[in-house]
Amino acid sequence: MKNIPLILLADDNPDDQTFIRDAFTYVKANVELKVLDSGVELLKHLEIINDEDLPSLIVLDYNMPMLNGAEVLKILLDDERFKNIPKIMLSTSYHQMHIDHCIEIGADGYLIKPDNLFSWKKIALNMLQYVN
């Protein structure tokens, strides 16, 4: 059993990756954050890790090439191995249709990407509620 919770983040935007890393550092989160550049990379990563190394939380950017966050979410929800891992969508989209769709298909939360560091810190604290 791992001591430090692992959060897997799939996001293709390097700026957003930096913002979330900085936010977790700023709030002194006792978590390991592993950032992957796409949903495809996240799925490949999950295929090769042992059950004891599964993440405590999976965060998916909604707008990613090849497989968007909702498509990755559907794949994860069809696999019993990932059933008990909370999954959060992270997006720039405020469209209620996107939010409702993600919650309807099984996302545990839907967070809007902010445009300032203070709000990114709030996002990081929100995510920590799923792992603590």
N, C-alpha and C. Protein backbone atom coordinates (compact mmCIF):
# COMPACT_ATOMS: atom_id res chain seq x y z
N MET A 1 0.86 -1.19 0.00
CA MET A 1 0.00 0.00 0.00
C MET A 1 0.89 1.24 0.00
N LYS A 2 0.59 2.15 -0.89
CA LYS A 2 1.42 3.34 -0.98
C LYS A 2 1.05 4.34 0.12
N ASN A 3 2.04 5.11 0.56
CA ASN A 3 1.83 6.09 1.62
C ASN A 3 1.30 7.41 1.09
N ILE A 4 1.76 7.80 -0.08
CA ILE A 4 1.37 9.08 -0.66
C ILE A 4 0.38 8.82 -1.79
N PRO A 5 -0.79 9.46 -1.73
CA PRO A 5 -1.77 9.26 -2.81
C PRO A 5 -1.21 9.74 -4.16
N LEU A 6 -1.58 9.00 -5.19
CA LEU A 6 -1.17 9.33 -6.55
C LEU A 6 -2.36 9.92 -7.29
N ILE A 7 -2.14 11.05 -7.92
CA ILE A 7 -3.13 11.66 -8.81
C ILE A 7 -2.58 11.58 -10.22
N LEU A 8 -3.36 10.99 -11.12
CA LEU A 8 -2.99 10.96 -12.53
C LEU A 8 -3.78 12.04 -13.25
N LEU A 9 -3.08 12.89 -13.96
CA LEU A 9 -3.69 13.97 -14.73
C LEU A 9 -3.36 13.78 -16.20
N ALA A 10 -4.40 13.73 -17.03
CA ALA A 10 -4.20 13.70 -18.48
C ALA A 10 -4.65 15.05 -19.02
N ASP A 11 -3.67 15.80 -19.54
CA ASP A 11 -3.95 17.13 -20.08
C ASP A 11 -2.90 17.44 -21.14
N ASP A 12 -3.34 17.85 -22.30
CA ASP A 12 -2.41 18.10 -23.40
C ASP A 12 -1.87 19.53 -23.42
N ASN A 13 -2.30 20.37 -22.49
CA ASN A 13 -1.87 21.77 -22.48
C ASN A 13 -0.72 21.96 -21.49
N PRO A 14 0.50 22.25 -21.98
CA PRO A 14 1.66 22.40 -21.09
C PRO A 14 1.47 23.51 -20.05
N ASP A 15 0.80 24.60 -20.42
CA ASP A 15 0.57 25.68 -19.45
C ASP A 15 -0.32 25.20 -18.31
N ASP A 16 -1.39 24.50 -18.64
CA ASP A 16 -2.28 23.98 -17.59
C ASP A 16 -1.57 22.95 -16.72
N GLN A 17 -0.72 22.14 -17.32
CA GLN A 17 0.08 21.19 -16.55
C GLN A 17 0.93 21.92 -15.52
N THR A 18 1.55 23.01 -15.95
CA THR A 18 2.39 23.80 -15.04
C THR A 18 1.55 24.45 -13.96
N PHE A 19 0.41 25.00 -14.32
CA PHE A 19 -0.46 25.65 -13.34
C PHE A 19 -0.88 24.67 -12.24
N ILE A 20 -1.28 23.47 -12.62
CA ILE A 20 -1.76 22.52 -11.61
C ILE A 20 -0.60 22.02 -10.75
N ARG A 21 0.57 21.81 -11.37
CA ARG A 21 1.74 21.42 -10.57
C ARG A 21 2.06 22.51 -9.54
N ASP A 22 2.09 23.76 -10.00
CA ASP A 22 2.39 24.88 -9.10
C ASP A 22 1.34 24.99 -7.99
N ALA A 23 0.09 24.77 -8.33
CA ALA A 23 -0.98 24.86 -7.34
C ALA A 23 -0.83 23.80 -6.27
N PHE A 24 -0.52 22.57 -6.65
CA PHE A 24 -0.31 21.50 -5.65
C PHE A 24 0.90 21.81 -4.78
N THR A 25 1.94 22.37 -5.37
CA THR A 25 3.12 22.76 -4.60
C THR A 25 2.76 23.86 -3.61
N TYR A 26 2.03 24.84 -4.07
CA TYR A 26 1.67 25.99 -3.24
C TYR A 26 0.82 25.58 -2.04
N VAL A 27 -0.12 24.66 -2.23
CA VAL A 27 -0.98 24.23 -1.12
C VAL A 27 -0.31 23.13 -0.28
N LYS A 28 0.95 22.84 -0.63
CA LYS A 28 1.73 21.84 0.11
C LYS A 28 1.00 20.51 0.20
N ALA A 29 0.46 20.09 -0.91
CA ALA A 29 -0.28 18.83 -0.97
C ALA A 29 0.67 17.65 -0.83
N ASN A 30 0.30 16.72 0.01
CA ASN A 30 1.10 15.52 0.22
C ASN A 30 0.60 14.44 -0.75
N VAL A 31 0.80 14.71 -2.04
CA VAL A 31 0.39 13.79 -3.09
C VAL A 31 1.49 13.73 -4.14
N GLU A 32 1.47 12.64 -4.89
CA GLU A 32 2.31 12.55 -6.08
C GLU A 32 1.41 12.86 -7.27
N LEU A 33 1.82 13.80 -8.09
CA LEU A 33 1.06 14.16 -9.28
C LEU A 33 1.84 13.67 -10.49
N LYS A 34 1.22 12.77 -11.25
CA LYS A 34 1.83 12.29 -12.48
C LYS A 34 1.01 12.86 -13.63
N VAL A 35 1.68 13.60 -14.50
CA VAL A 35 1.02 14.26 -15.62
C VAL A 35 1.33 13.51 -16.91
N LEU A 36 0.28 13.21 -17.64
CA LEU A 36 0.41 12.56 -18.94
C LEU A 36 -0.19 13.48 -19.99
N ASP A 37 0.35 13.45 -21.20
CA ASP A 37 0.00 14.41 -22.24
C ASP A 37 -1.28 14.09 -23.02
N SER A 38 -1.88 12.94 -22.76
CA SER A 38 -3.10 12.59 -23.50
C SER A 38 -3.86 11.50 -22.78
N GLY A 39 -5.09 11.34 -23.20
CA GLY A 39 -5.89 10.24 -22.67
C GLY A 39 -5.33 8.89 -23.09
N VAL A 40 -4.79 8.84 -24.30
CA VAL A 40 -4.17 7.60 -24.78
C VAL A 40 -3.00 7.22 -23.88
N GLU A 41 -2.15 8.19 -23.54
CA GLU A 41 -1.03 7.92 -22.64
C GLU A 41 -1.52 7.44 -21.29
N LEU A 42 -2.58 8.06 -20.76
CA LEU A 42 -3.12 7.67 -19.47
C LEU A 42 -3.58 6.21 -19.52
N LEU A 43 -4.31 5.84 -20.56
CA LEU A 43 -4.79 4.47 -20.67
C LEU A 43 -3.63 3.48 -20.78
N LYS A 44 -2.61 3.83 -21.55
CA LYS A 44 -1.43 2.96 -21.66
C LYS A 44 -0.74 2.81 -20.32
N HIS A 45 -0.63 3.90 -19.57
CA HIS A 45 -0.01 3.86 -18.25
C HIS A 45 -0.80 2.94 -17.31
N LEU A 46 -2.11 3.09 -17.31
CA LEU A 46 -2.94 2.27 -16.42
C LEU A 46 -2.87 0.79 -16.77
N GLU A 47 -2.66 0.47 -18.04
CA GLU A 47 -2.55 -0.93 -18.47
C GLU A 47 -1.35 -1.63 -17.87
N ILE A 48 -0.27 -0.88 -17.67
CA ILE A 48 0.99 -1.53 -17.27
C ILE A 48 1.28 -1.49 -15.77
N ILE A 49 0.49 -0.75 -14.99
CA ILE A 49 0.81 -0.67 -13.57
C ILE A 49 0.05 -1.74 -12.78
N ASN A 50 0.66 -2.11 -11.66
CA ASN A 50 0.05 -3.10 -10.77
C ASN A 50 -1.12 -2.48 -10.02
N ASP A 51 -2.00 -3.33 -9.53
CA ASP A 51 -3.16 -2.85 -8.79
C ASP A 51 -2.78 -2.01 -7.58
N GLU A 52 -1.71 -2.37 -6.90
CA GLU A 52 -1.30 -1.60 -5.71
C GLU A 52 -0.73 -0.23 -6.06
N ASP A 53 -0.45 -0.01 -7.34
CA ASP A 53 0.07 1.29 -7.78
C ASP A 53 -0.99 2.15 -8.48
N LEU A 54 -2.24 1.70 -8.44
CA LEU A 54 -3.31 2.47 -9.07
C LEU A 54 -3.45 3.83 -8.38
N PRO A 55 -3.87 4.82 -9.12
CA PRO A 55 -4.00 6.17 -8.54
C PRO A 55 -5.16 6.28 -7.56
N SER A 56 -5.10 7.30 -6.74
CA SER A 56 -6.20 7.61 -5.83
C SER A 56 -7.23 8.50 -6.52
N LEU A 57 -6.82 9.16 -7.60
CA LEU A 57 -7.69 10.06 -8.34
C LEU A 57 -7.21 10.15 -9.78
N ILE A 58 -8.16 10.19 -10.71
CA ILE A 58 -7.84 10.40 -12.13
C ILE A 58 -8.52 11.70 -12.56
N VAL A 59 -7.73 12.59 -13.16
CA VAL A 59 -8.24 13.87 -13.64
C VAL A 59 -8.04 13.91 -15.15
N LEU A 60 -9.13 14.21 -15.86
CA LEU A 60 -9.11 14.18 -17.32
C LEU A 60 -9.49 15.53 -17.90
N ASP A 61 -8.63 16.05 -18.75
CA ASP A 61 -8.99 17.25 -19.52
C ASP A 61 -10.08 16.84 -20.49
N TYR A 62 -11.10 17.66 -20.62
CA TYR A 62 -12.20 17.32 -21.52
C TYR A 62 -11.76 17.38 -22.97
N ASN A 63 -11.02 18.42 -23.35
CA ASN A 63 -10.65 18.64 -24.75
C ASN A 63 -9.22 18.17 -25.01
N MET A 64 -9.11 16.91 -25.43
CA MET A 64 -7.80 16.35 -25.80
C MET A 64 -7.93 15.72 -27.18
N PRO A 65 -6.84 15.72 -27.94
CA PRO A 65 -6.88 15.07 -29.26
C PRO A 65 -6.94 13.55 -29.12
N MET A 66 -7.32 12.90 -30.16
CA MET A 66 -7.47 11.44 -30.27
C MET A 66 -8.63 10.92 -29.43
N LEU A 67 -8.52 11.01 -28.11
CA LEU A 67 -9.60 10.62 -27.21
C LEU A 67 -9.84 11.78 -26.26
N ASN A 68 -11.05 12.32 -26.25
CA ASN A 68 -11.30 13.40 -25.30
C ASN A 68 -11.56 12.80 -23.91
N GLY A 69 -11.65 13.65 -22.93
CA GLY A 69 -11.81 13.18 -21.56
C GLY A 69 -13.04 12.33 -21.34
N ALA A 70 -14.15 12.69 -21.99
CA ALA A 70 -15.38 11.90 -21.84
C ALA A 70 -15.21 10.50 -22.44
N GLU A 71 -14.50 10.40 -23.55
CA GLU A 71 -14.26 9.09 -24.17
C GLU A 71 -13.36 8.23 -23.27
N VAL A 72 -12.34 8.85 -22.68
CA VAL A 72 -11.47 8.11 -21.75
C VAL A 72 -12.28 7.67 -20.54
N LEU A 73 -13.12 8.56 -20.03
CA LEU A 73 -13.95 8.24 -18.88
C LEU A 73 -14.81 7.00 -19.15
N LYS A 74 -15.44 6.94 -20.31
CA LYS A 74 -16.26 5.79 -20.66
C LYS A 74 -15.44 4.50 -20.64
N ILE A 75 -14.23 4.56 -21.19
CA ILE A 75 -13.36 3.38 -21.21
C ILE A 75 -13.03 2.95 -19.79
N LEU A 76 -12.69 3.92 -18.94
CA LEU A 76 -12.34 3.60 -17.56
C LEU A 76 -13.53 3.01 -16.80
N LEU A 77 -14.71 3.54 -17.05
CA LEU A 77 -15.89 3.06 -16.33
C LEU A 77 -16.30 1.66 -16.76
N ASP A 78 -15.88 1.24 -17.95
CA ASP A 78 -16.18 -0.11 -18.41
C ASP A 78 -15.22 -1.15 -17.85
N ASP A 79 -14.20 -0.71 -17.11
CA ASP A 79 -13.19 -1.62 -16.57
C ASP A 79 -13.33 -1.70 -15.05
N GLU A 80 -13.64 -2.86 -14.56
CA GLU A 80 -13.87 -3.10 -13.13
C GLU A 80 -12.67 -2.67 -12.28
N ARG A 81 -11.49 -2.73 -12.86
CA ARG A 81 -10.26 -2.40 -12.14
C ARG A 81 -10.24 -0.94 -11.65
N PHE A 82 -10.93 -0.07 -12.37
CA PHE A 82 -10.89 1.36 -12.07
C PHE A 82 -12.20 1.88 -11.45
N LYS A 83 -13.09 0.96 -11.13
CA LYS A 83 -14.43 1.31 -10.66
C LYS A 83 -14.41 2.22 -9.43
N ASN A 84 -13.53 1.95 -8.48
CA ASN A 84 -13.54 2.67 -7.20
C ASN A 84 -12.61 3.88 -7.16
N ILE A 85 -12.02 4.23 -8.28
CA ILE A 85 -11.14 5.39 -8.34
C ILE A 85 -11.98 6.60 -8.76
N PRO A 86 -11.99 7.68 -7.96
CA PRO A 86 -12.72 8.88 -8.39
C PRO A 86 -12.13 9.45 -9.68
N LYS A 87 -13.02 9.95 -10.53
CA LYS A 87 -12.61 10.51 -11.82
C LYS A 87 -13.24 11.89 -11.96
N ILE A 88 -12.40 12.88 -12.22
CA ILE A 88 -12.84 14.27 -12.35
C ILE A 88 -12.51 14.78 -13.74
N MET A 89 -13.44 15.51 -14.32
CA MET A 89 -13.19 16.18 -15.58
C MET A 89 -12.69 17.58 -15.27
N LEU A 90 -11.73 18.04 -16.06
CA LEU A 90 -11.17 19.38 -15.92
C LEU A 90 -11.23 20.01 -17.30
N SER A 91 -11.88 21.16 -17.42
CA SER A 91 -12.12 21.70 -18.75
C SER A 91 -12.23 23.21 -18.75
N THR A 92 -12.01 23.77 -19.92
CA THR A 92 -12.28 25.19 -20.13
C THR A 92 -13.74 25.40 -20.51
N SER A 93 -14.44 24.31 -20.79
CA SER A 93 -15.82 24.40 -21.27
C SER A 93 -16.80 24.62 -20.12
N TYR A 94 -17.56 25.70 -20.26
CA TYR A 94 -18.64 26.01 -19.31
C TYR A 94 -19.97 25.45 -19.81
N HIS A 95 -19.97 24.83 -20.97
CA HIS A 95 -21.22 24.37 -21.57
C HIS A 95 -21.91 23.37 -20.65
N GLN A 96 -23.13 23.68 -20.26
CA GLN A 96 -23.88 22.81 -19.36
C GLN A 96 -24.06 21.42 -19.97
N MET A 97 -24.16 21.37 -21.30
CA MET A 97 -24.29 20.08 -21.99
C MET A 97 -23.09 19.18 -21.70
N HIS A 98 -21.86 19.75 -21.76
CA HIS A 98 -20.65 18.97 -21.48
C HIS A 98 -20.64 18.52 -20.02
N ILE A 99 -20.96 19.44 -19.13
CA ILE A 99 -20.96 19.13 -17.70
C ILE A 99 -21.96 18.01 -17.41
N ASP A 100 -23.18 18.18 -17.88
CA ASP A 100 -24.22 17.18 -17.63
C ASP A 100 -23.84 15.82 -18.22
N HIS A 101 -23.28 15.84 -19.42
CA HIS A 101 -22.88 14.58 -20.08
C HIS A 101 -21.83 13.85 -19.25
N CYS A 102 -20.83 14.57 -18.79
CA CYS A 102 -19.75 13.93 -18.03
C CYS A 102 -20.25 13.36 -16.70
N ILE A 103 -21.09 14.11 -16.02
CA ILE A 103 -21.65 13.62 -14.76
C ILE A 103 -22.57 12.43 -15.03
N GLU A 104 -23.33 12.52 -16.09
CA GLU A 104 -24.26 11.45 -16.45
C GLU A 104 -23.54 10.14 -16.75
N ILE A 105 -22.38 10.21 -17.41
CA ILE A 105 -21.67 8.98 -17.75
C ILE A 105 -20.76 8.49 -16.64
N GLY A 106 -20.68 9.25 -15.52
CA GLY A 106 -19.97 8.70 -14.37
C GLY A 106 -18.86 9.52 -13.77
N ALA A 107 -18.63 10.73 -14.24
CA ALA A 107 -17.60 11.56 -13.61
C ALA A 107 -18.04 11.91 -12.19
N ASP A 108 -17.10 11.91 -11.28
CA ASP A 108 -17.38 12.27 -9.88
C ASP A 108 -17.40 13.78 -9.68
N GLY A 109 -16.86 14.51 -10.64
CA GLY A 109 -16.84 15.95 -10.56
C GLY A 109 -16.46 16.55 -11.90
N TYR A 110 -16.74 17.84 -12.05
CA TYR A 110 -16.42 18.57 -13.28
C TYR A 110 -15.94 19.94 -12.83
N LEU A 111 -14.68 20.22 -13.09
CA LEU A 111 -14.07 21.48 -12.66
C LEU A 111 -13.70 22.32 -13.88
N ILE A 112 -13.97 23.61 -13.79
CA ILE A 112 -13.64 24.54 -14.88
C ILE A 112 -12.23 25.07 -14.65
N LYS A 113 -11.41 25.00 -15.70
CA LYS A 113 -10.05 25.52 -15.60
C LYS A 113 -10.09 27.03 -15.37
N PRO A 114 -9.40 27.47 -14.33
CA PRO A 114 -9.40 28.91 -14.04
C PRO A 114 -8.36 29.66 -14.86
N ASP A 115 -8.36 30.97 -14.68
CA ASP A 115 -7.40 31.80 -15.42
C ASP A 115 -6.43 32.54 -14.49
N ASN A 116 -6.35 32.10 -13.23
CA ASN A 116 -5.39 32.74 -12.32
C ASN A 116 -4.92 31.74 -11.27
N LEU A 117 -3.75 32.00 -10.71
CA LEU A 117 -3.13 31.06 -9.78
C LEU A 117 -3.98 30.83 -8.54
N PHE A 118 -4.60 31.89 -8.00
CA PHE A 118 -5.43 31.72 -6.81
C PHE A 118 -6.52 30.68 -7.06
N SER A 119 -7.15 30.76 -8.20
CA SER A 119 -8.23 29.81 -8.52
C SER A 119 -7.68 28.41 -8.79
N TRP A 120 -6.48 28.32 -9.36
CA TRP A 120 -5.86 27.00 -9.54
C TRP A 120 -5.61 26.36 -8.17
N LYS A 121 -5.24 27.17 -7.18
CA LYS A 121 -5.04 26.62 -5.82
C LYS A 121 -6.35 26.06 -5.29
N LYS A 122 -7.46 26.75 -5.55
CA LYS A 122 -8.76 26.26 -5.11
C LYS A 122 -9.10 24.93 -5.81
N ILE A 123 -8.74 24.83 -7.07
CA ILE A 123 -8.96 23.59 -7.83
C ILE A 123 -8.16 22.46 -7.19
N ALA A 124 -6.90 22.73 -6.86
CA ALA A 124 -6.06 21.70 -6.23
C ALA A 124 -6.66 21.26 -4.89
N LEU A 125 -7.12 22.19 -4.10
CA LEU A 125 -7.74 21.84 -2.82
C LEU A 125 -9.01 21.02 -3.04
N ASN A 126 -9.77 21.37 -4.05
CA ASN A 126 -10.97 20.60 -4.37
C ASN A 126 -10.60 19.16 -4.73
N MET A 127 -9.57 18.99 -5.55
CA MET A 127 -9.14 17.66 -5.94
C MET A 127 -8.70 16.84 -4.74
N LEU A 128 -8.03 17.50 -3.79
CA LEU A 128 -7.55 16.79 -2.61
C LEU A 128 -8.68 16.19 -1.79
N GLN A 129 -9.86 16.74 -1.88
CA GLN A 129 -11.01 16.19 -1.15
C GLN A 129 -11.34 14.78 -1.64
N TYR A 130 -10.97 14.44 -2.85
CA TYR A 130 -11.24 13.13 -3.40
C TYR A 130 -10.22 12.08 -2.96
N VAL A 131 -9.07 12.52 -2.48
CA VAL A 131 -8.01 11.56 -2.12
C VAL A 131 -7.80 11.46 -0.62
N ASN A 132 -8.35 12.38 0.16
CA ASN A 132 -8.13 12.35 1.62
C ASN A 132 -9.34 11.83 2.35
